[in-house]
Every structure is written in structure tokens, then in C-alpha cells.
Amino acid sequence: MDSRLKTLQEEVATAIAGFSAEHLNWHPAGKWSAAEVLEHLYLTYTGTIKGFEKLMQAGKISVSKPNWRQRAGHLLVLRFSYMPPGRESPAVARPKGVATEKVLAEIEQKILEMDETIGRAEEKMGSGKLLDHVILGPLTGAEWRKFHLVHGRHHLQQIRRLREAAKGSSSAR
């Protein structure tokens, strides 16, 4: 398994260990709960898997030419490992009500499955730009893995903050 995604898998496991259902579902007004953040991550992993499967089924690479915003995002996220805060999630990755139990049971496996799927696509299609990211534009397999590590760490920080806030909230008791 790719070392970045193995690290992500371990960090996800650590972040959710011992999280009570009550605290998982607690959230400040207008913000996602930890369960919703985890579902968002889960949806990005399943979406990446689907994207790479479609790429392999098509048998040809069709990536766009990056615009200046995508190039800037690419630099921030993939070069400097910085995920800018406050960006709204694309609709496809917004929480939709997937059962928290399902997300918790499958999220680590989805990271492994995503790594394996990217690897198969690299074997079949090469190591160049393979698939467009909705915000960052065309990425290689290695860049997709790095994106998921940076993105996951960004949201795991949110989950840790939510866990602490939930512990202090009388409504989460």
C-alpha cells in the first residue's frame, strides 16, 4: 500500500477510536458533525474509486488543461500540503445520510480499495495525468494519493476539534 494512504488509514483509525455515537453526531449550529465529516471523506474515496474505474473501462485518458485557479490549488495542496479552509464541498461529496455505522465499518477498507484501484489504473494507463479532480484539475495517481492525505488530515483536524467541543457541550451528554 502507498505510504501516504497507509498513513491516512492509520490517522483515520486513531481519530475515530472510542468516539461515542453521541459525540459523532454532535455539531455546532450550521456545521457538520464528525459523522458527516467522515461521510464526506468516505464519499471522496468512493468517488475516486468510481472515477478510476470509469477511466479504465474507457481505456483512454481524457483530462482537461488546468486553468490558473487549478494550478494555484495544485501548488497549495500538493506542493505545500495546505488545504485552504472555508471552501464549500462539491455536491457529489456532501453528506447524504449514509449510515454512520457503514462509514465507520468501511472507511479504512475504502482507502485500501482506492489505493489498489489507482495502482491498477497506473499499470494500465501509465504514470502521467490520469483523471481530473473537480477543483485541482488533472492529477497523476501519485497526486491523487497526496491529495487524499492532505484533504484527510484537514478534515481529521476538524474531527478532533469537534470531539473536544462535543465533550464540553451539555447537549452532547
C-alpha atoms as a PDB file:
ATOM      1  CA  MET A   1       0.000   0.000   0.000  1.00  0.00           C
ATOM      2  CA  ASP A   2       1.206   3.517  -0.780  1.00  0.00           C
ATOM      3  CA  SER A   3       2.818   5.045   2.318  1.00  0.00           C
ATOM      4  CA  ARG A   4       0.703   8.217   2.150  1.00  0.00           C
ATOM      5  CA  LEU A   5      -2.555   6.298   2.105  1.00  0.00           C
ATOM      6  CA  LYS A   6      -1.325   3.889   4.782  1.00  0.00           C
ATOM      7  CA  THR A   7      -0.594   6.945   6.954  1.00  0.00           C
ATOM      8  CA  LEU A   8      -4.054   8.317   6.187  1.00  0.00           C
ATOM      9  CA  GLN A   9      -5.656   4.995   7.074  1.00  0.00           C
ATOM     10  CA  GLU A  10      -3.839   4.934  10.423  1.00  0.00           C
ATOM     11  CA  GLU A  11      -4.700   8.561  11.194  1.00  0.00           C
ATOM     12  CA  VAL A  12      -8.386   7.959  10.427  1.00  0.00           C
ATOM     13  CA  ALA A  13      -8.403   4.921  12.724  1.00  0.00           C
ATOM     14  CA  THR A  14      -6.788   6.911  15.530  1.00  0.00           C
ATOM     15  CA  ALA A  15      -9.144   9.873  15.103  1.00  0.00           C
ATOM     16  CA  ILE A  16     -12.305   7.775  15.355  1.00  0.00           C
ATOM     17  CA  ALA A  17     -11.188   5.306  18.039  1.00  0.00           C
ATOM     18  CA  GLY A  18     -13.504   5.418  21.041  1.00  0.00           C
ATOM     19  CA  PHE A  19     -15.742   8.104  19.568  1.00  0.00           C
ATOM     20  CA  SER A  20     -19.220   7.722  21.055  1.00  0.00           C
ATOM     21  CA  ALA A  21     -22.239   7.827  18.745  1.00  0.00           C
ATOM     22  CA  GLU A  22     -23.485  10.793  20.742  1.00  0.00           C
ATOM     23  CA  HIS A  23     -20.293  12.767  20.143  1.00  0.00           C
ATOM     24  CA  LEU A  24     -20.064  11.654  16.497  1.00  0.00           C
ATOM     25  CA  ASN A  25     -23.429  13.245  15.798  1.00  0.00           C
ATOM     26  CA  TRP A  26     -22.970  16.440  17.834  1.00  0.00           C
ATOM     27  CA  HIS A  27     -22.269  19.629  15.889  1.00  0.00           C
ATOM     28  CA  PRO A  28     -22.382  23.376  16.336  1.00  0.00           C
ATOM     29  CA  ALA A  29     -25.232  25.126  14.549  1.00  0.00           C
ATOM     30  CA  GLY A  30     -24.660  25.313  10.802  1.00  0.00           C
ATOM     31  CA  LYS A  31     -21.624  22.997  10.848  1.00  0.00           C
ATOM     32  CA  TRP A  32     -21.143  19.335  10.002  1.00  0.00           C
ATOM     33  CA  SER A  33     -20.883  16.719  12.734  1.00  0.00           C
ATOM     34  CA  ALA A  34     -17.886  14.392  12.922  1.00  0.00           C
ATOM     35  CA  ALA A  35     -20.104  11.689  11.392  1.00  0.00           C
ATOM     36  CA  GLU A  36     -20.852  13.972   8.448  1.00  0.00           C
ATOM     37  CA  VAL A  37     -17.173  14.861   8.020  1.00  0.00           C
ATOM     38  CA  LEU A  38     -16.355  11.133   7.965  1.00  0.00           C
ATOM     39  CA  GLU A  39     -19.120  10.549   5.424  1.00  0.00           C
ATOM     40  CA  HIS A  40     -17.670  13.351   3.284  1.00  0.00           C
ATOM     41  CA  LEU A  41     -14.265  11.640   3.357  1.00  0.00           C
ATOM     42  CA  TYR A  42     -15.892   8.272   2.601  1.00  0.00           C
ATOM     43  CA  LEU A  43     -17.684   9.800  -0.392  1.00  0.00           C
ATOM     44  CA  THR A  44     -14.432  11.254  -1.728  1.00  0.00           C
ATOM     45  CA  TYR A  45     -12.810   7.803  -1.530  1.00  0.00           C
ATOM     46  CA  THR A  46     -15.712   6.036  -3.227  1.00  0.00           C
ATOM     47  CA  GLY A  47     -15.892   8.814  -5.829  1.00  0.00           C
ATOM     48  CA  THR A  48     -12.194   8.450  -6.618  1.00  0.00           C
ATOM     49  CA  ILE A  49     -12.620   4.688  -6.948  1.00  0.00           C
ATOM     50  CA  LYS A  50     -15.515   5.174  -9.376  1.00  0.00           C
ATOM     51  CA  GLY A  51     -13.584   7.770 -11.375  1.00  0.00           C
ATOM     52  CA  PHE A  52     -10.584   5.491 -11.831  1.00  0.00           C
ATOM     53  CA  GLU A  53     -12.816   2.514 -12.671  1.00  0.00           C
ATOM     54  CA  LYS A  54     -14.526   4.576 -15.389  1.00  0.00           C
ATOM     55  CA  LEU A  55     -11.122   5.634 -16.695  1.00  0.00           C
ATOM     56  CA  MET A  56     -10.027   2.007 -17.022  1.00  0.00           C
ATOM     57  CA  GLN A  57     -13.324   0.983 -18.630  1.00  0.00           C
ATOM     58  CA  ALA A  58     -12.982   3.771 -21.194  1.00  0.00           C
ATOM     59  CA  GLY A  59      -9.431   2.678 -21.920  1.00  0.00           C
ATOM     60  CA  LYS A  60      -8.251   6.178 -22.722  1.00  0.00           C
ATOM     61  CA  ILE A  61      -7.189   9.229 -20.771  1.00  0.00           C
ATOM     62  CA  SER A  62      -9.201  12.399 -21.268  1.00  0.00           C
ATOM     63  CA  VAL A  63      -8.004  15.138 -18.935  1.00  0.00           C
ATOM     64  CA  SER A  64      -8.574  18.860 -19.216  1.00  0.00           C
ATOM     65  CA  LYS A  65      -5.974  21.577 -19.440  1.00  0.00           C
ATOM     66  CA  PRO A  66      -5.642  23.190 -15.984  1.00  0.00           C
ATOM     67  CA  ASN A  67      -6.685  26.812 -15.558  1.00  0.00           C
ATOM     68  CA  TRP A  68      -4.892  29.288 -13.296  1.00  0.00           C
ATOM     69  CA  ARG A  69      -7.133  28.533 -10.283  1.00  0.00           C
ATOM     70  CA  GLN A  70      -6.458  24.816 -10.613  1.00  0.00           C
ATOM     71  CA  ARG A  71      -2.729  25.469 -10.910  1.00  0.00           C
ATOM     72  CA  ALA A  72      -2.821  27.618  -7.752  1.00  0.00           C
ATOM     73  CA  GLY A  73      -4.792  24.945  -5.886  1.00  0.00           C
ATOM     74  CA  HIS A  74      -2.404  22.293  -7.128  1.00  0.00           C
ATOM     75  CA  LEU A  75       0.533  24.286  -5.766  1.00  0.00           C
ATOM     76  CA  LEU A  76      -1.081  24.897  -2.372  1.00  0.00           C
ATOM     77  CA  VAL A  77      -2.440  21.396  -1.804  1.00  0.00           C
ATOM     78  CA  LEU A  78       0.112  19.153  -3.476  1.00  0.00           C
ATOM     79  CA  ARG A  79       3.330  21.139  -3.175  1.00  0.00           C
ATOM     80  CA  PHE A  80       2.810  22.842   0.189  1.00  0.00           C
ATOM     81  CA  SER A  81       0.386  20.264   1.705  1.00  0.00           C
ATOM     82  CA  TYR A  82      -2.014  23.067   2.609  1.00  0.00           C
ATOM     83  CA  MET A  83      -5.763  22.708   2.314  1.00  0.00           C
ATOM     84  CA  PRO A  84      -7.344  26.177   2.301  1.00  0.00           C
ATOM     85  CA  PRO A  85     -10.194  26.396   4.829  1.00  0.00           C
ATOM     86  CA  GLY A  86     -13.721  27.518   4.092  1.00  0.00           C
ATOM     87  CA  ARG A  87     -14.122  26.004   0.642  1.00  0.00           C
ATOM     88  CA  GLU A  88     -17.547  24.506   0.024  1.00  0.00           C
ATOM     89  CA  SER A  89     -17.567  20.823  -0.808  1.00  0.00           C
ATOM     90  CA  PRO A  90     -18.642  19.820  -4.314  1.00  0.00           C
ATOM     91  CA  ALA A  91     -22.214  18.479  -4.242  1.00  0.00           C
ATOM     92  CA  VAL A  92     -21.084  14.936  -5.055  1.00  0.00           C
ATOM     93  CA  ALA A  93     -19.052  14.784  -1.826  1.00  0.00           C
ATOM     94  CA  ARG A  94     -21.559  16.407   0.549  1.00  0.00           C
ATOM     95  CA  PRO A  95     -23.029  14.152   3.239  1.00  0.00           C
ATOM     96  CA  LYS A  96     -26.155  12.390   2.003  1.00  0.00           C
ATOM     97  CA  GLY A  97     -27.136  10.329   5.016  1.00  0.00           C
ATOM     98  CA  VAL A  98     -25.015   7.210   4.565  1.00  0.00           C
ATOM     99  CA  ALA A  99     -25.377   5.297   7.830  1.00  0.00           C
ATOM    100  CA  THR A 100     -22.599   6.220  10.257  1.00  0.00           C
ATOM    101  CA  GLU A 101     -22.149   2.530  11.093  1.00  0.00           C
ATOM    102  CA  LYS A 102     -21.490   1.776   7.425  1.00  0.00           C
ATOM    103  CA  VAL A 103     -18.982   4.632   7.094  1.00  0.00           C
ATOM    104  CA  LEU A 104     -17.138   3.595  10.275  1.00  0.00           C
ATOM    105  CA  ALA A 105     -17.073  -0.057   9.219  1.00  0.00           C
ATOM    106  CA  GLU A 106     -15.863   0.621   5.657  1.00  0.00           C
ATOM    107  CA  ILE A 107     -13.783   3.817   5.600  1.00  0.00           C
ATOM    108  CA  GLU A 108     -10.394   2.193   6.215  1.00  0.00           C
ATOM    109  CA  GLN A 109     -11.134  -0.507   3.626  1.00  0.00           C
ATOM    110  CA  LYS A 110     -12.190   2.157   1.098  1.00  0.00           C
ATOM    111  CA  ILE A 111      -8.784   3.833   1.466  1.00  0.00           C
ATOM    112  CA  LEU A 112      -7.109   0.498   0.654  1.00  0.00           C
ATOM    113  CA  GLU A 113      -9.501  -0.130  -2.244  1.00  0.00           C
ATOM    114  CA  MET A 114      -8.834   3.370  -3.581  1.00  0.00           C
ATOM    115  CA  ASP A 115      -5.070   2.776  -3.473  1.00  0.00           C
ATOM    116  CA  GLU A 116      -5.447  -0.540  -5.292  1.00  0.00           C
ATOM    117  CA  THR A 117      -7.721   0.993  -7.938  1.00  0.00           C
ATOM    118  CA  ILE A 118      -5.320   3.886  -8.574  1.00  0.00           C
ATOM    119  CA  GLY A 119      -2.493   1.346  -8.833  1.00  0.00           C
ATOM    120  CA  ARG A 120      -4.361  -0.724 -11.426  1.00  0.00           C
ATOM    121  CA  ALA A 121      -5.062   2.426 -13.439  1.00  0.00           C
ATOM    122  CA  GLU A 122      -1.377   3.384 -13.330  1.00  0.00           C
ATOM    123  CA  GLU A 123      -0.401  -0.092 -14.541  1.00  0.00           C
ATOM    124  CA  LYS A 124      -2.896   0.089 -17.377  1.00  0.00           C
ATOM    125  CA  MET A 125      -2.668   3.789 -18.322  1.00  0.00           C
ATOM    126  CA  GLY A 126       0.779   4.945 -17.185  1.00  0.00           C
ATOM    127  CA  SER A 127       2.043   7.395 -14.607  1.00  0.00           C
ATOM    128  CA  GLY A 128       1.086  10.689 -16.269  1.00  0.00           C
ATOM    129  CA  LYS A 129      -2.013  12.784 -15.646  1.00  0.00           C
ATOM    130  CA  LEU A 130      -4.855  10.306 -15.426  1.00  0.00           C
ATOM    131  CA  LEU A 131      -8.018  11.855 -14.066  1.00  0.00           C
ATOM    132  CA  ASP A 132      -9.412  15.326 -13.430  1.00  0.00           C
ATOM    133  CA  HIS A 133     -10.100  16.442  -9.877  1.00  0.00           C
ATOM    134  CA  VAL A 134     -13.138  18.710  -9.694  1.00  0.00           C
ATOM    135  CA  ILE A 135     -11.121  21.552  -8.100  1.00  0.00           C
ATOM    136  CA  LEU A 136      -7.444  20.805  -8.805  1.00  0.00           C
ATOM    137  CA  GLY A 137      -7.755  19.679 -12.421  1.00  0.00           C
ATOM    138  CA  PRO A 138      -5.763  16.796 -13.928  1.00  0.00           C
ATOM    139  CA  LEU A 139      -3.765  14.686 -11.465  1.00  0.00           C
ATOM    140  CA  THR A 140      -1.432  11.701 -11.640  1.00  0.00           C
ATOM    141  CA  GLY A 141      -2.052   8.683  -9.436  1.00  0.00           C
ATOM    142  CA  ALA A 142       0.631   9.884  -7.020  1.00  0.00           C
ATOM    143  CA  GLU A 143      -1.007  13.317  -6.889  1.00  0.00           C
ATOM    144  CA  TRP A 144      -4.401  11.759  -6.143  1.00  0.00           C
ATOM    145  CA  ARG A 145      -2.840   9.892  -3.214  1.00  0.00           C
ATOM    146  CA  LYS A 146      -1.185  13.063  -1.894  1.00  0.00           C
ATOM    147  CA  PHE A 147      -4.445  14.989  -2.298  1.00  0.00           C
ATOM    148  CA  HIS A 148      -6.311  12.441  -0.187  1.00  0.00           C
ATOM    149  CA  LEU A 149      -3.673  12.583   2.546  1.00  0.00           C
ATOM    150  CA  VAL A 150      -3.729  16.410   2.713  1.00  0.00           C
ATOM    151  CA  HIS A 151      -7.528  16.543   2.433  1.00  0.00           C
ATOM    152  CA  GLY A 152      -7.991  13.806   5.014  1.00  0.00           C
ATOM    153  CA  ARG A 153      -5.662  15.485   7.505  1.00  0.00           C
ATOM    154  CA  HIS A 154      -7.547  18.755   7.050  1.00  0.00           C
ATOM    155  CA  HIS A 155     -10.807  17.056   7.997  1.00  0.00           C
ATOM    156  CA  LEU A 156      -9.282  14.938  10.758  1.00  0.00           C
ATOM    157  CA  GLN A 157      -8.284  18.189  12.463  1.00  0.00           C
ATOM    158  CA  GLN A 158     -11.939  19.220  12.274  1.00  0.00           C
ATOM    159  CA  ILE A 159     -12.983  15.887  13.764  1.00  0.00           C
ATOM    160  CA  ARG A 160     -10.548  16.283  16.681  1.00  0.00           C
ATOM    161  CA  ARG A 161     -11.883  19.788  17.359  1.00  0.00           C
ATOM    162  CA  LEU A 162     -15.470  18.524  17.196  1.00  0.00           C
ATOM    163  CA  ARG A 163     -14.632  15.705  19.608  1.00  0.00           C
ATOM    164  CA  GLU A 164     -13.270  18.188  22.146  1.00  0.00           C
ATOM    165  CA  ALA A 165     -16.178  20.586  21.681  1.00  0.00           C
ATOM    166  CA  ALA A 166     -18.705  17.760  21.999  1.00  0.00           C
ATOM    167  CA  LYS A 167     -17.158  16.661  25.289  1.00  0.00           C
ATOM    168  CA  GLY A 168     -17.636  20.158  26.662  1.00  0.00           C
ATOM    169  CA  SER A 169     -21.160  20.604  25.334  1.00  0.00           C
ATOM    170  CA  SER A 170     -24.063  19.848  27.640  1.00  0.00           C
ATOM    171  CA  SER A 171     -26.190  18.954  24.587  1.00  0.00           C
ATOM    172  CA  ALA A 172     -23.862  16.054  23.721  1.00  0.00           C
ATOM    173  CA  ARG A 173     -24.171  14.407  27.136  1.00  0.00           C
END
